[in-house]
Amino acid sequence: MRRLLWCSLCFFLCGATTATADLLSLEYEGLDRRVWLENTGEAPRPLIVYLHSWRDEERQRKLVESNYQNLAWESLDEQARQHGFAVAYPSSLAGEWAVSTSYDRAKHPETGELVDDLGFVESVIDDLVANGIALEDEVYLVGNSNGALLSFQFMCRPDHPFAGVITMIASIQDHAAKDCDPKIVPYTALAGTHDRILAYDGWVYPGGRTLSVPETMHIFVQAHGCQRQNWHELPDIVPEDNSKIRLIWWSSCDTPDGSVRLLRMEGAGHIIPQPKLRNADWVKRAGGQNQDLEASEYILDFFTGNADLPVAD
């Protein structure tokens, strides 16, 4: 059983276009699940579903205290408003998406089994479409870290509901890759070569492993029928970050050239690229940050078919 409730309609952002931010409650598998919705412009409209990264118990506590407003990514919301998109931010059960049995907080409190996060996210989409918020054929997926791991599970299903996907700072898990049958949609991966959390070359964890980023890309390059790999470097706008971005794209495909892309952040780690520098301690722990690209801007450009990136001199 599921039911979608608008728990709050009192968050307003003022400007040339009216924008509302709503906290939604969805009953799924007998659990009260939450979704933060940034909703702008005429309805129905294109929708981005953003799957957040892993949160420890302290960050999860602060999220609940914020009434789930901390789910939102401010710069993504701004880009979405400019392009007439809505953004839905589903919340994992307790800070962890159900991508592996090693994630205890992603288990149902009554059954002890992993919750059905794929079904939960699809229910969110179904209800937003049914309520006239989202266009059924223009739903896009962005996954960050732990959220990217769940995104790969979606990507390996031929019937997933997304018209395009972007994964950030993660690669596919071995169990997801085993029987992967991808639906052919435009896809970009962002990955840092110095990632210290989910390593570029793959990572072994209790119960399985993540493949390397090149192995991950190979799955989707093959699915698109691509024959040729191309690349160029983006301008090194902030040389002080000791990182450059190499755009790798595939051509001679069964789909339009550039439908499969990798933004390889050389010298950067487990942080999405953005000009604003993150906390110095986290940057060091994560393996570095690239500041040459605003990830949120790229996301909207890619989903609207305008993601031509500049070439370094």
C-alpha atoms as a PDB file:
ATOM      1  CA  MET A   1       0.000   0.000   0.000  1.00  0.00           C
ATOM      2  CA  ARG A   2       1.205   3.496  -0.707  1.00  0.00           C
ATOM      3  CA  ARG A   3      -0.193   6.979  -0.342  1.00  0.00           C
ATOM      4  CA  LEU A   4       1.377  10.338  -1.099  1.00  0.00           C
ATOM      5  CA  LEU A   5       0.636  13.252   1.202  1.00  0.00           C
ATOM      6  CA  TRP A   6       1.692  16.872   0.863  1.00  0.00           C
ATOM      7  CA  CYS A   7       2.919  17.399   4.420  1.00  0.00           C
ATOM      8  CA  SER A   8       3.870  21.023   3.923  1.00  0.00           C
ATOM      9  CA  LEU A   9       3.023  23.685   1.366  1.00  0.00           C
ATOM     10  CA  CYS A  10       4.406  26.629   3.281  1.00  0.00           C
ATOM     11  CA  PHE A  11       7.923  26.977   1.835  1.00  0.00           C
ATOM     12  CA  PHE A  12       8.056  29.688  -0.852  1.00  0.00           C
ATOM     13  CA  LEU A  13      10.877  31.232  -2.835  1.00  0.00           C
ATOM     14  CA  CYS A  14      10.104  34.585  -4.425  1.00  0.00           C
ATOM     15  CA  GLY A  15      11.358  35.791  -7.755  1.00  0.00           C
ATOM     16  CA  ALA A  16      10.346  36.194 -11.373  1.00  0.00           C
ATOM     17  CA  THR A  17       8.925  32.651 -11.235  1.00  0.00           C
ATOM     18  CA  THR A  18       7.037  31.302  -8.260  1.00  0.00           C
ATOM     19  CA  ALA A  19       8.765  28.305  -6.686  1.00  0.00           C
ATOM     20  CA  THR A  20       7.503  26.058  -3.932  1.00  0.00           C
ATOM     21  CA  ALA A  21       9.306  23.516  -1.822  1.00  0.00           C
ATOM     22  CA  ASP A  22       7.156  20.731  -0.432  1.00  0.00           C
ATOM     23  CA  LEU A  23       7.808  17.945   2.050  1.00  0.00           C
ATOM     24  CA  LEU A  24       5.981  14.836   0.886  1.00  0.00           C
ATOM     25  CA  SER A  25       5.217  11.682   2.836  1.00  0.00           C
ATOM     26  CA  LEU A  26       4.869   8.326   1.082  1.00  0.00           C
ATOM     27  CA  GLU A  27       3.700   5.197   2.870  1.00  0.00           C
ATOM     28  CA  TYR A  28       5.590   2.288   1.321  1.00  0.00           C
ATOM     29  CA  GLU A  29       6.132  -1.234   2.730  1.00  0.00           C
ATOM     30  CA  GLY A  30       4.361  -0.033   5.858  1.00  0.00           C
ATOM     31  CA  LEU A  31       7.003   2.658   6.422  1.00  0.00           C
ATOM     32  CA  ASP A  32       6.657   6.438   6.357  1.00  0.00           C
ATOM     33  CA  ARG A  33       9.128   7.589   3.695  1.00  0.00           C
ATOM     34  CA  ARG A  34       9.917  11.240   2.917  1.00  0.00           C
ATOM     35  CA  VAL A  35      10.571  13.211  -0.262  1.00  0.00           C
ATOM     36  CA  TRP A  36      11.626  16.841  -0.594  1.00  0.00           C
ATOM     37  CA  LEU A  37      10.183  18.387  -3.759  1.00  0.00           C
ATOM     38  CA  GLU A  38      11.426  21.563  -5.433  1.00  0.00           C
ATOM     39  CA  ASN A  39       8.604  22.567  -7.733  1.00  0.00           C
ATOM     40  CA  THR A  40       8.751  25.511 -10.162  1.00  0.00           C
ATOM     41  CA  GLY A  41       6.714  26.885 -13.054  1.00  0.00           C
ATOM     42  CA  GLU A  42       3.920  25.431 -15.118  1.00  0.00           C
ATOM     43  CA  ALA A  43       2.859  21.851 -14.424  1.00  0.00           C
ATOM     44  CA  PRO A  44       3.428  19.186 -15.535  1.00  0.00           C
ATOM     45  CA  ARG A  45       7.148  19.639 -16.206  1.00  0.00           C
ATOM     46  CA  PRO A  46      10.363  17.616 -16.578  1.00  0.00           C
ATOM     47  CA  LEU A  47      11.527  16.025 -13.335  1.00  0.00           C
ATOM     48  CA  ILE A  48      14.958  15.216 -11.935  1.00  0.00           C
ATOM     49  CA  VAL A  49      15.099  12.533  -9.254  1.00  0.00           C
ATOM     50  CA  TYR A  50      18.207  13.071  -7.114  1.00  0.00           C
ATOM     51  CA  LEU A  51      19.467  10.178  -4.975  1.00  0.00           C
ATOM     52  CA  HIS A  52      21.642  11.489  -2.162  1.00  0.00           C
ATOM     53  CA  SER A  53      24.965  10.196  -0.877  1.00  0.00           C
ATOM     54  CA  TRP A  54      25.487   8.089   2.267  1.00  0.00           C
ATOM     55  CA  ARG A  55      24.788   9.843   5.566  1.00  0.00           C
ATOM     56  CA  ASP A  56      26.149   8.836   8.943  1.00  0.00           C
ATOM     57  CA  GLU A  57      23.850   8.829  11.968  1.00  0.00           C
ATOM     58  CA  GLU A  58      24.779  12.415  12.944  1.00  0.00           C
ATOM     59  CA  ARG A  59      23.997  13.793   9.496  1.00  0.00           C
ATOM     60  CA  GLN A  60      20.775  11.767   9.435  1.00  0.00           C
ATOM     61  CA  ARG A  61      19.751  13.269  12.774  1.00  0.00           C
ATOM     62  CA  LYS A  62      20.387  16.793  11.473  1.00  0.00           C
ATOM     63  CA  LEU A  63      18.391  16.004   8.348  1.00  0.00           C
ATOM     64  CA  VAL A  64      15.350  15.026  10.398  1.00  0.00           C
ATOM     65  CA  GLU A  65      15.790  18.125  12.580  1.00  0.00           C
ATOM     66  CA  SER A  66      15.795  20.286   9.426  1.00  0.00           C
ATOM     67  CA  ASN A  67      12.420  18.781   8.437  1.00  0.00           C
ATOM     68  CA  TYR A  68      14.278  17.215   5.499  1.00  0.00           C
ATOM     69  CA  GLN A  69      15.186  20.554   3.912  1.00  0.00           C
ATOM     70  CA  ASN A  70      18.853  19.483   3.967  1.00  0.00           C
ATOM     71  CA  LEU A  71      18.057  16.958   1.233  1.00  0.00           C
ATOM     72  CA  ALA A  72      18.004  19.776  -1.307  1.00  0.00           C
ATOM     73  CA  TRP A  73      21.041  20.781  -3.383  1.00  0.00           C
ATOM     74  CA  GLU A  74      20.742  24.550  -3.707  1.00  0.00           C
ATOM     75  CA  SER A  75      22.687  24.996  -6.937  1.00  0.00           C
ATOM     76  CA  LEU A  76      20.766  22.150  -8.624  1.00  0.00           C
ATOM     77  CA  ASP A  77      17.501  23.777  -7.576  1.00  0.00           C
ATOM     78  CA  GLU A  78      18.638  27.077  -9.081  1.00  0.00           C
ATOM     79  CA  GLN A  79      19.564  25.428 -12.378  1.00  0.00           C
ATOM     80  CA  ALA A  80      16.259  23.549 -12.389  1.00  0.00           C
ATOM     81  CA  ARG A  81      14.305  26.769 -11.894  1.00  0.00           C
ATOM     82  CA  GLN A  82      16.105  28.352 -14.843  1.00  0.00           C
ATOM     83  CA  HIS A  83      15.239  25.398 -17.088  1.00  0.00           C
ATOM     84  CA  GLY A  84      11.692  24.769 -15.869  1.00  0.00           C
ATOM     85  CA  PHE A  85      12.406  21.455 -14.134  1.00  0.00           C
ATOM     86  CA  ALA A  86      11.124  20.100 -10.838  1.00  0.00           C
ATOM     87  CA  VAL A  87      13.508  18.183  -8.555  1.00  0.00           C
ATOM     88  CA  ALA A  88      12.492  15.359  -6.237  1.00  0.00           C
ATOM     89  CA  TYR A  89      14.825  14.354  -3.406  1.00  0.00           C
ATOM     90  CA  PRO A  90      13.708  10.992  -1.976  1.00  0.00           C
ATOM     91  CA  SER A  91      15.216  10.152   1.391  1.00  0.00           C
ATOM     92  CA  SER A  92      16.708   6.755   2.108  1.00  0.00           C
ATOM     93  CA  LEU A  93      15.319   4.923   5.118  1.00  0.00           C
ATOM     94  CA  ALA A  94      17.989   5.995   7.618  1.00  0.00           C
ATOM     95  CA  GLY A  95      20.840   7.489   5.575  1.00  0.00           C
ATOM     96  CA  GLU A  96      21.692   4.386   3.529  1.00  0.00           C
ATOM     97  CA  TRP A  97      20.211   3.205   0.237  1.00  0.00           C
ATOM     98  CA  ALA A  98      19.482  -0.520   0.055  1.00  0.00           C
ATOM     99  CA  VAL A  99      22.311  -1.531  -2.270  1.00  0.00           C
ATOM    100  CA  SER A 100      23.991  -4.238  -0.182  1.00  0.00           C
ATOM    101  CA  THR A 101      23.185  -6.464   2.785  1.00  0.00           C
ATOM    102  CA  SER A 102      26.106  -4.784   4.566  1.00  0.00           C
ATOM    103  CA  TYR A 103      23.932  -1.657   4.960  1.00  0.00           C
ATOM    104  CA  ASP A 104      22.103  -2.477   8.197  1.00  0.00           C
ATOM    105  CA  ARG A 105      20.246   0.847   8.394  1.00  0.00           C
ATOM    106  CA  ALA A 106      18.636   0.087   5.010  1.00  0.00           C
ATOM    107  CA  LYS A 107      16.838  -2.961   6.440  1.00  0.00           C
ATOM    108  CA  HIS A 108      13.154  -3.056   7.287  1.00  0.00           C
ATOM    109  CA  PRO A 109      12.737  -2.802  11.084  1.00  0.00           C
ATOM    110  CA  GLU A 110      10.179  -5.628  11.122  1.00  0.00           C
ATOM    111  CA  THR A 111      11.490  -8.132   8.575  1.00  0.00           C
ATOM    112  CA  GLY A 112      15.227  -7.465   8.788  1.00  0.00           C
ATOM    113  CA  GLU A 113      15.367  -7.575   4.973  1.00  0.00           C
ATOM    114  CA  LEU A 114      16.598  -4.764   2.757  1.00  0.00           C
ATOM    115  CA  VAL A 115      13.818  -2.327   1.940  1.00  0.00           C
ATOM    116  CA  ASP A 116      12.678  -2.018  -1.662  1.00  0.00           C
ATOM    117  CA  ASP A 117      14.220   1.331  -2.539  1.00  0.00           C
ATOM    118  CA  LEU A 118      13.754   0.771  -6.280  1.00  0.00           C
ATOM    119  CA  GLY A 119      10.033   0.338  -5.728  1.00  0.00           C
ATOM    120  CA  PHE A 120       9.930   3.331  -3.384  1.00  0.00           C
ATOM    121  CA  VAL A 121      11.544   5.655  -5.923  1.00  0.00           C
ATOM    122  CA  GLU A 122       9.307   4.387  -8.723  1.00  0.00           C
ATOM    123  CA  SER A 123       6.269   5.004  -6.502  1.00  0.00           C
ATOM    124  CA  VAL A 124       7.402   8.593  -5.966  1.00  0.00           C
ATOM    125  CA  ILE A 125       7.594   9.080  -9.735  1.00  0.00           C
ATOM    126  CA  ASP A 126       4.227   7.407 -10.353  1.00  0.00           C
ATOM    127  CA  ASP A 127       2.518   9.655  -7.844  1.00  0.00           C
ATOM    128  CA  LEU A 128       4.153  12.862  -9.106  1.00  0.00           C
ATOM    129  CA  VAL A 129       3.028  11.978 -12.624  1.00  0.00           C
ATOM    130  CA  ALA A 130      -0.483  11.084 -11.428  1.00  0.00           C
ATOM    131  CA  ASN A 131      -0.710  14.390  -9.521  1.00  0.00           C
ATOM    132  CA  GLY A 132       0.206  16.409 -12.607  1.00  0.00           C
ATOM    133  CA  ILE A 133       3.623  17.505 -11.336  1.00  0.00           C
ATOM    134  CA  ALA A 134       5.924  15.525 -13.659  1.00  0.00           C
ATOM    135  CA  LEU A 135       5.925  14.600 -17.334  1.00  0.00           C
ATOM    136  CA  GLU A 136       6.033  10.816 -17.575  1.00  0.00           C
ATOM    137  CA  ASP A 137       8.421  10.792 -20.567  1.00  0.00           C
ATOM    138  CA  GLU A 138      10.793  13.423 -19.120  1.00  0.00           C
ATOM    139  CA  VAL A 139      11.976  11.973 -15.828  1.00  0.00           C
ATOM    140  CA  TYR A 140      15.749  11.994 -15.273  1.00  0.00           C
ATOM    141  CA  LEU A 141      17.958  10.387 -12.645  1.00  0.00           C
ATOM    142  CA  VAL A 142      21.017  11.731 -10.805  1.00  0.00           C
ATOM    143  CA  GLY A 143      22.785   9.556  -8.240  1.00  0.00           C
ATOM    144  CA  ASN A 144      25.565  10.723  -5.926  1.00  0.00           C
ATOM    145  CA  SER A 145      27.910   8.142  -4.320  1.00  0.00           C
ATOM    146  CA  ASN A 146      25.650   5.697  -2.409  1.00  0.00           C
ATOM    147  CA  GLY A 147      22.772   7.089  -4.473  1.00  0.00           C
ATOM    148  CA  ALA A 148      24.736   6.322  -7.639  1.00  0.00           C
ATOM    149  CA  LEU A 149      25.004   2.678  -6.555  1.00  0.00           C
ATOM    150  CA  LEU A 150      21.209   2.521  -6.477  1.00  0.00           C
ATOM    151  CA  SER A 151      21.109   4.358  -9.825  1.00  0.00           C
ATOM    152  CA  PHE A 152      23.137   1.562 -11.431  1.00  0.00           C
ATOM    153  CA  GLN A 153      20.513  -0.943 -10.292  1.00  0.00           C
ATOM    154  CA  PHE A 154      17.919   1.137 -12.130  1.00  0.00           C
ATOM    155  CA  MET A 155      20.123   1.432 -15.214  1.00  0.00           C
ATOM    156  CA  CYS A 156      20.442  -2.336 -15.488  1.00  0.00           C
ATOM    157  CA  ARG A 157      16.679  -2.771 -15.823  1.00  0.00           C
ATOM    158  CA  PRO A 158      15.306  -2.499 -19.378  1.00  0.00           C
ATOM    159  CA  ASP A 159      12.018  -1.060 -18.095  1.00  0.00           C
ATOM    160  CA  HIS A 160      13.306   1.748 -15.851  1.00  0.00           C
ATOM    161  CA  PRO A 161      11.380   5.049 -16.056  1.00  0.00           C
ATOM    162  CA  PHE A 162      14.250   7.436 -16.808  1.00  0.00           C
ATOM    163  CA  ALA A 163      14.970   9.357 -20.021  1.00  0.00           C
ATOM    164  CA  GLY A 164      18.593  10.036 -19.017  1.00  0.00           C
ATOM    165  CA  VAL A 165      20.974   9.253 -16.152  1.00  0.00           C
ATOM    166  CA  ILE A 166      24.008  10.840 -14.496  1.00  0.00           C
ATOM    167  CA  THR A 167      26.030   8.990 -11.850  1.00  0.00           C
ATOM    168  CA  MET A 168      28.626  10.756  -9.711  1.00  0.00           C
ATOM    169  CA  ILE A 169      31.667   9.417  -7.839  1.00  0.00           C
ATOM    170  CA  ALA A 170      30.776   5.722  -7.894  1.00  0.00           C
ATOM    171  CA  SER A 171      31.002   2.647 -10.101  1.00  0.00           C
ATOM    172  CA  ILE A 172      28.693  -0.322 -10.473  1.00  0.00           C
ATOM    173  CA  GLN A 173      28.571  -3.165  -7.930  1.00  0.00           C
ATOM    174  CA  ASP A 174      29.377  -6.679  -9.090  1.00  0.00           C
ATOM    175  CA  HIS A 175      25.921  -8.093  -8.305  1.00  0.00           C
ATOM    176  CA  ALA A 176      24.243  -5.326 -10.318  1.00  0.00           C
ATOM    177  CA  ALA A 177      26.623  -5.832 -13.247  1.00  0.00           C
ATOM    178  CA  LYS A 178      26.121  -9.605 -13.331  1.00  0.00           C
ATOM    179  CA  ASP A 179      22.736  -9.603 -15.053  1.00  0.00           C
ATOM    180  CA  CYS A 180      22.745  -6.026 -16.346  1.00  0.00           C
ATOM    181  CA  ASP A 181      20.321  -5.460 -19.241  1.00  0.00           C
ATOM    182  CA  PRO A 182      20.502  -1.691 -19.758  1.00  0.00           C
ATOM    183  CA  LYS A 183      17.792   0.492 -21.171  1.00  0.00           C
ATOM    184  CA  ILE A 184      19.383   2.717 -23.822  1.00  0.00           C
ATOM    185  CA  VAL A 185      19.265   6.321 -22.607  1.00  0.00           C
ATOM    186  CA  PRO A 186      21.838   9.164 -22.578  1.00  0.00           C
ATOM    187  CA  TYR A 187      24.320   8.609 -19.766  1.00  0.00           C
ATOM    188  CA  THR A 188      27.166  10.545 -18.142  1.00  0.00           C
ATOM    189  CA  ALA A 189      29.448   9.352 -15.340  1.00  0.00           C
ATOM    190  CA  LEU A 190      31.558  11.716 -13.221  1.00  0.00           C
ATOM    191  CA  ALA A 191      34.459  10.020 -11.449  1.00  0.00           C
ATOM    192  CA  GLY A 192      37.667  11.091  -9.704  1.00  0.00           C
ATOM    193  CA  THR A 193      40.887   9.164 -10.269  1.00  0.00           C
ATOM    194  CA  HIS A 194      42.018   9.839  -6.675  1.00  0.00           C
ATOM    195  CA  ASP A 195      38.748   8.819  -5.004  1.00  0.00           C
ATOM    196  CA  ARG A 196      39.520   7.485  -1.506  1.00  0.00           C
ATOM    197  CA  ILE A 197      35.969   6.400  -0.681  1.00  0.00           C
ATOM    198  CA  LEU A 198      34.802   4.470  -3.767  1.00  0.00           C
ATOM    199  CA  ALA A 199      38.044   3.993  -5.657  1.00  0.00           C
ATOM    200  CA  TYR A 200      38.257   4.649  -9.398  1.00  0.00           C
ATOM    201  CA  ASP A 201      39.873   1.221  -9.860  1.00  0.00           C
ATOM    202  CA  GLY A 202      37.162  -0.571  -7.865  1.00  0.00           C
ATOM    203  CA  TRP A 203      36.648  -1.388  -4.207  1.00  0.00           C
ATOM    204  CA  VAL A 204      36.169  -4.548  -2.164  1.00  0.00           C
ATOM    205  CA  TYR A 205      33.681  -4.389   0.721  1.00  0.00           C
ATOM    206  CA  PRO A 206      31.904  -6.973   2.924  1.00  0.00           C
ATOM    207  CA  GLY A 207      29.665  -8.975   0.618  1.00  0.00           C
ATOM    208  CA  GLY A 208      31.012  -7.841  -2.753  1.00  0.00           C
ATOM    209  CA  ARG A 209      32.934  -5.256  -4.719  1.00  0.00           C
ATOM    210  CA  THR A 210      32.529  -2.311  -7.041  1.00  0.00           C
ATOM    211  CA  LEU A 211      33.942  -2.653 -10.541  1.00  0.00           C
ATOM    212  CA  SER A 212      36.415  -0.097 -11.847  1.00  0.00           C
ATOM    213  CA  VAL A 213      35.080   2.965 -13.642  1.00  0.00           C
ATOM    214  CA  PRO A 214      36.401   1.728 -17.040  1.00  0.00           C
ATOM    215  CA  GLU A 215      34.683  -1.649 -16.488  1.00  0.00           C
ATOM    216  CA  THR A 216      31.484   0.189 -15.597  1.00  0.00           C
ATOM    217  CA  MET A 217      31.619   2.349 -18.709  1.00  0.00           C
ATOM    218  CA  HIS A 218      32.249  -0.715 -20.872  1.00  0.00           C
ATOM    219  CA  ILE A 219      28.847  -2.149 -19.917  1.00  0.00           C
ATOM    220  CA  PHE A 220      26.980   0.888 -21.181  1.00  0.00           C
ATOM    221  CA  VAL A 221      29.254   1.573 -24.148  1.00  0.00           C
ATOM    222  CA  GLN A 222      28.518  -1.956 -25.361  1.00  0.00           C
ATOM    223  CA  ALA A 223      24.800  -1.483 -24.792  1.00  0.00           C
ATOM    224  CA  HIS A 224      24.875   1.627 -27.019  1.00  0.00           C
ATOM    225  CA  GLY A 225      26.833  -0.269 -29.677  1.00  0.00           C
ATOM    226  CA  CYS A 226      29.701   2.245 -29.691  1.00  0.00           C
ATOM    227  CA  GLN A 227      32.896   1.501 -31.620  1.00  0.00           C
ATOM    228  CA  ARG A 228      35.154   4.512 -31.045  1.00  0.00           C
ATOM    229  CA  GLN A 229      36.447   6.365 -27.983  1.00  0.00           C
ATOM    230  CA  ASN A 230      37.316  10.075 -28.108  1.00  0.00           C
ATOM    231  CA  TRP A 231      38.528  12.602 -25.569  1.00  0.00           C
ATOM    232  CA  HIS A 232      39.568  16.160 -24.890  1.00  0.00           C
ATOM    233  CA  GLU A 233      40.608  18.112 -21.814  1.00  0.00           C
ATOM    234  CA  LEU A 234      38.508  20.924 -20.415  1.00  0.00           C
ATOM    235  CA  PRO A 235      40.158  24.267 -19.620  1.00  0.00           C
ATOM    236  CA  ASP A 236      42.066  24.161 -16.333  1.00  0.00           C
ATOM    237  CA  ILE A 237      40.276  27.158 -14.825  1.00  0.00           C
ATOM    238  CA  VAL A 238      41.595  26.618 -11.276  1.00  0.00           C
ATOM    239  CA  PRO A 239      45.136  25.215 -11.551  1.00  0.00           C
ATOM    240  CA  GLU A 240      45.517  25.444  -7.773  1.00  0.00           C
ATOM    241  CA  ASP A 241      43.146  22.491  -7.326  1.00  0.00           C
ATOM    242  CA  ASN A 242      45.767  20.171  -8.920  1.00  0.00           C
ATOM    243  CA  SER A 243      43.036  18.570 -10.991  1.00  0.00           C
ATOM    244  CA  LYS A 244      41.924  18.562 -14.616  1.00  0.00           C
ATOM    245  CA  ILE A 245      38.823  17.129 -16.271  1.00  0.00           C
ATOM    246  CA  ARG A 246      39.087  14.895 -19.308  1.00  0.00           C
ATOM    247  CA  LEU A 247      35.847  14.436 -21.217  1.00  0.00           C
ATOM    248  CA  ILE A 248      35.700  10.967 -22.765  1.00  0.00           C
ATOM    249  CA  TRP A 249      32.861  10.220 -25.152  1.00  0.00           C
ATOM    250  CA  TRP A 250      31.994   7.411 -27.502  1.00  0.00           C
ATOM    251  CA  SER A 251      31.003   7.578 -31.168  1.00  0.00           C
ATOM    252  CA  SER A 252      30.085   5.287 -34.061  1.00  0.00           C
ATOM    253  CA  CYS A 253      27.235   4.074 -31.853  1.00  0.00           C
ATOM    254  CA  ASP A 254      23.726   2.773 -32.456  1.00  0.00           C
ATOM    255  CA  THR A 255      22.666   5.957 -30.644  1.00  0.00           C
ATOM    256  CA  PRO A 256      23.722   9.588 -31.315  1.00  0.00           C
ATOM    257  CA  ASP A 257      27.432  10.244 -30.746  1.00  0.00           C
ATOM    258  CA  GLY A 258      28.145  11.478 -27.230  1.00  0.00           C
ATOM    259  CA  SER A 259      25.173   9.666 -25.678  1.00  0.00           C
ATOM    260  CA  VAL A 260      27.654   7.918 -23.368  1.00  0.00           C
ATOM    261  CA  ARG A 261      30.199  10.125 -21.587  1.00  0.00           C
ATOM    262  CA  LEU A 262      32.727  10.003 -18.781  1.00  0.00           C
ATOM    263  CA  LEU A 263      33.919  13.150 -17.059  1.00  0.00           C
ATOM    264  CA  ARG A 264      37.187  11.802 -15.679  1.00  0.00           C
ATOM    265  CA  MET A 265      38.389  14.153 -12.924  1.00  0.00           C
ATOM    266  CA  GLU A 266      42.127  13.560 -12.919  1.00  0.00           C
ATOM    267  CA  GLY A 267      43.679  14.297  -9.529  1.00  0.00           C
ATOM    268  CA  ALA A 268      40.278  14.672  -7.818  1.00  0.00           C
ATOM    269  CA  GLY A 269      38.527  12.401  -5.346  1.00  0.00           C
ATOM    270  CA  HIS A 270      35.126  11.662  -3.829  1.00  0.00           C
ATOM    271  CA  ILE A 271      33.656  15.149  -4.305  1.00  0.00           C
ATOM    272  CA  ILE A 272      31.481  16.355  -7.145  1.00  0.00           C
ATOM    273  CA  PRO A 273      33.097  19.163  -9.183  1.00  0.00           C
ATOM    274  CA  GLN A 274      32.084  22.693  -8.253  1.00  0.00           C
ATOM    275  CA  PRO A 275      33.887  26.055  -8.080  1.00  0.00           C
ATOM    276  CA  LYS A 276      33.194  26.499  -4.351  1.00  0.00           C
ATOM    277  CA  LEU A 277      35.809  24.675  -2.283  1.00  0.00           C
ATOM    278  CA  ARG A 278      34.441  22.224   0.268  1.00  0.00           C
ATOM    279  CA  ASN A 279      35.701  21.824   3.835  1.00  0.00           C
ATOM    280  CA  ALA A 280      39.498  21.411   3.716  1.00  0.00           C
ATOM    281  CA  ASP A 281      39.519  18.338   5.978  1.00  0.00           C
ATOM    282  CA  TRP A 282      36.924  16.592   3.821  1.00  0.00           C
ATOM    283  CA  VAL A 283      38.746  17.519   0.615  1.00  0.00           C
ATOM    284  CA  LYS A 284      41.908  15.908   1.982  1.00  0.00           C
ATOM    285  CA  ARG A 285      40.083  12.806   3.189  1.00  0.00           C
ATOM    286  CA  ALA A 286      38.129  12.404  -0.066  1.00  0.00           C
ATOM    287  CA  GLY A 287      41.181  12.748  -2.309  1.00  0.00           C
ATOM    288  CA  GLY A 288      40.873  16.274  -3.676  1.00  0.00           C
ATOM    289  CA  GLN A 289      38.292  18.453  -5.417  1.00  0.00           C
ATOM    290  CA  ASN A 290      38.044  19.708  -8.983  1.00  0.00           C
ATOM    291  CA  GLN A 291      36.836  23.331  -9.236  1.00  0.00           C
ATOM    292  CA  ASP A 292      36.759  23.696 -13.025  1.00  0.00           C
ATOM    293  CA  LEU A 293      33.134  22.660 -13.543  1.00  0.00           C
ATOM    294  CA  GLU A 294      29.800  23.344 -11.860  1.00  0.00           C
ATOM    295  CA  ALA A 295      28.222  19.890 -11.748  1.00  0.00           C
ATOM    296  CA  SER A 296      24.669  21.170 -11.325  1.00  0.00           C
ATOM    297  CA  GLU A 297      24.971  23.306 -14.461  1.00  0.00           C
ATOM    298  CA  TYR A 298      26.292  20.348 -16.441  1.00  0.00           C
ATOM    299  CA  ILE A 299      23.397  18.173 -15.239  1.00  0.00           C
ATOM    300  CA  LEU A 300      20.748  20.484 -16.688  1.00  0.00           C
ATOM    301  CA  ASP A 301      22.754  21.084 -19.858  1.00  0.00           C
ATOM    302  CA  PHE A 302      23.099  17.339 -20.438  1.00  0.00           C
ATOM    303  CA  PHE A 303      19.440  16.590 -19.839  1.00  0.00           C
ATOM    304  CA  THR A 304      18.363  19.427 -22.141  1.00  0.00           C
ATOM    305  CA  GLY A 305      20.787  18.401 -24.922  1.00  0.00           C
ATOM    306  CA  ASN A 306      23.099  21.413 -24.553  1.00  0.00           C
ATOM    307  CA  ALA A 307      26.163  19.891 -22.908  1.00  0.00           C
ATOM    308  CA  ASP A 308      28.890  20.964 -25.322  1.00  0.00           C
ATOM    309  CA  LEU A 309      31.966  21.493 -23.151  1.00  0.00           C
ATOM    310  CA  PRO A 310      34.918  23.770 -24.008  1.00  0.00           C
ATOM    311  CA  VAL A 311      38.273  22.416 -25.128  1.00  0.00           C
ATOM    312  CA  ALA A 312      41.525  23.341 -23.398  1.00  0.00           C
ATOM    313  CA  ASP A 313      44.001  25.438 -25.415  1.00  0.00           C
END
